[in-house]
Amino acid sequence: MALLSFDVDGPTGLINRNPEVERLPSTFSIGEYGPAVAAPRILALLRKYEIRASFFIPGWIAERHAALVEHILRDGHEVGHHGYLHEPPASLTPEQEAEVLDRATAVLERLSGEPPMGYRSPSWELSPHSLDLLAARGFVYDSSLMGADRPYWVGPPERRLVEIPVHWSLDDYPYFTFSAADRSRLMATPQHVYDVWAAAFDELAARGDPFVLTMHPHVIGRPGRLQMLEQLIRHIRSQPQVRFERAIDVARAYAQGPSEGESDGEPDREAEGRSSRAAPT
């Protein structure tokens, strides 16, 4: 299966690192391009191929782009939790982390009519307390760890969560991010990224493992890159046995299936999941 996911960060990550960004129109506009311009184009592309995807949205963005959230839900996509102002949990106290979780959940629930069931930590930086906090709030899955190529169990044994694993190699940000502070860092070409992602998909599909792709509208939605994503979608669709799924659907199917390691050929990951209270990134 293939899982397309989009972290609709907008300018939140920039603001979280430097609050002055809200008063820097040029820098602010880099992120704002995502929800304002790129996300509608991405939704049109997904409609064209009848694909349902998962969108992880910070509460700050959802408040300011409520119409976008409604559009995402109307098209049948999932809306997941991604912090409030893109706060990496590892940078927060347990009390602050709980407050951020609840604040953003309240925003998303108000807009969608139900609380989010999936969580992806900003910057993929869980804290030692994250999985316990998520489990206590009834989340079904997390998508922040990198310990496998297929779903596995994490969290406290009395209330486990499904982990939908990710990796930086299947994320648009490392390839396309440009830093004015480090002009020696060159952006990759869309063709280079296509080759990396298509090769990963081919190997994962051959093994029967899910292809989990993480993208950011303000990154992947720029001209040339979105065309590359469409090329990748066509490549995935050329494999008739592969279907596109939302993260919540993958997590629920895994939770209803056999216990980990019993019949899917995977090692027992529960002990590792309990020790994965801090992100490996």
Foldseek 3Di string as FASTA:
>chain_A
DEAEEAELQQCLVVCVVPVCVVVVVVSSVLRPCQLPPQLVVVLVLCVVVVFAHEYEYALCVCVVPLVSLVVNVVSPHHYAHEWHSLDAQQVDDPVVVLVRQVVSQVSSCVSPVHGHQEYEYRVLWFHLCRQVSSQVVNRAAYERAAPDQAWAWAHDPVRIHIYGYDDPLQEQCVQADADPVCNVDDHHALVVSLVSLLVVVVVCVVVPGYRYHYYYSSGCRDPRSVVSVSVSVVSQVVPVVDDYDYPVVRSVVVVPDDHPPPPPPHDHCYVVNHVPSTHPD
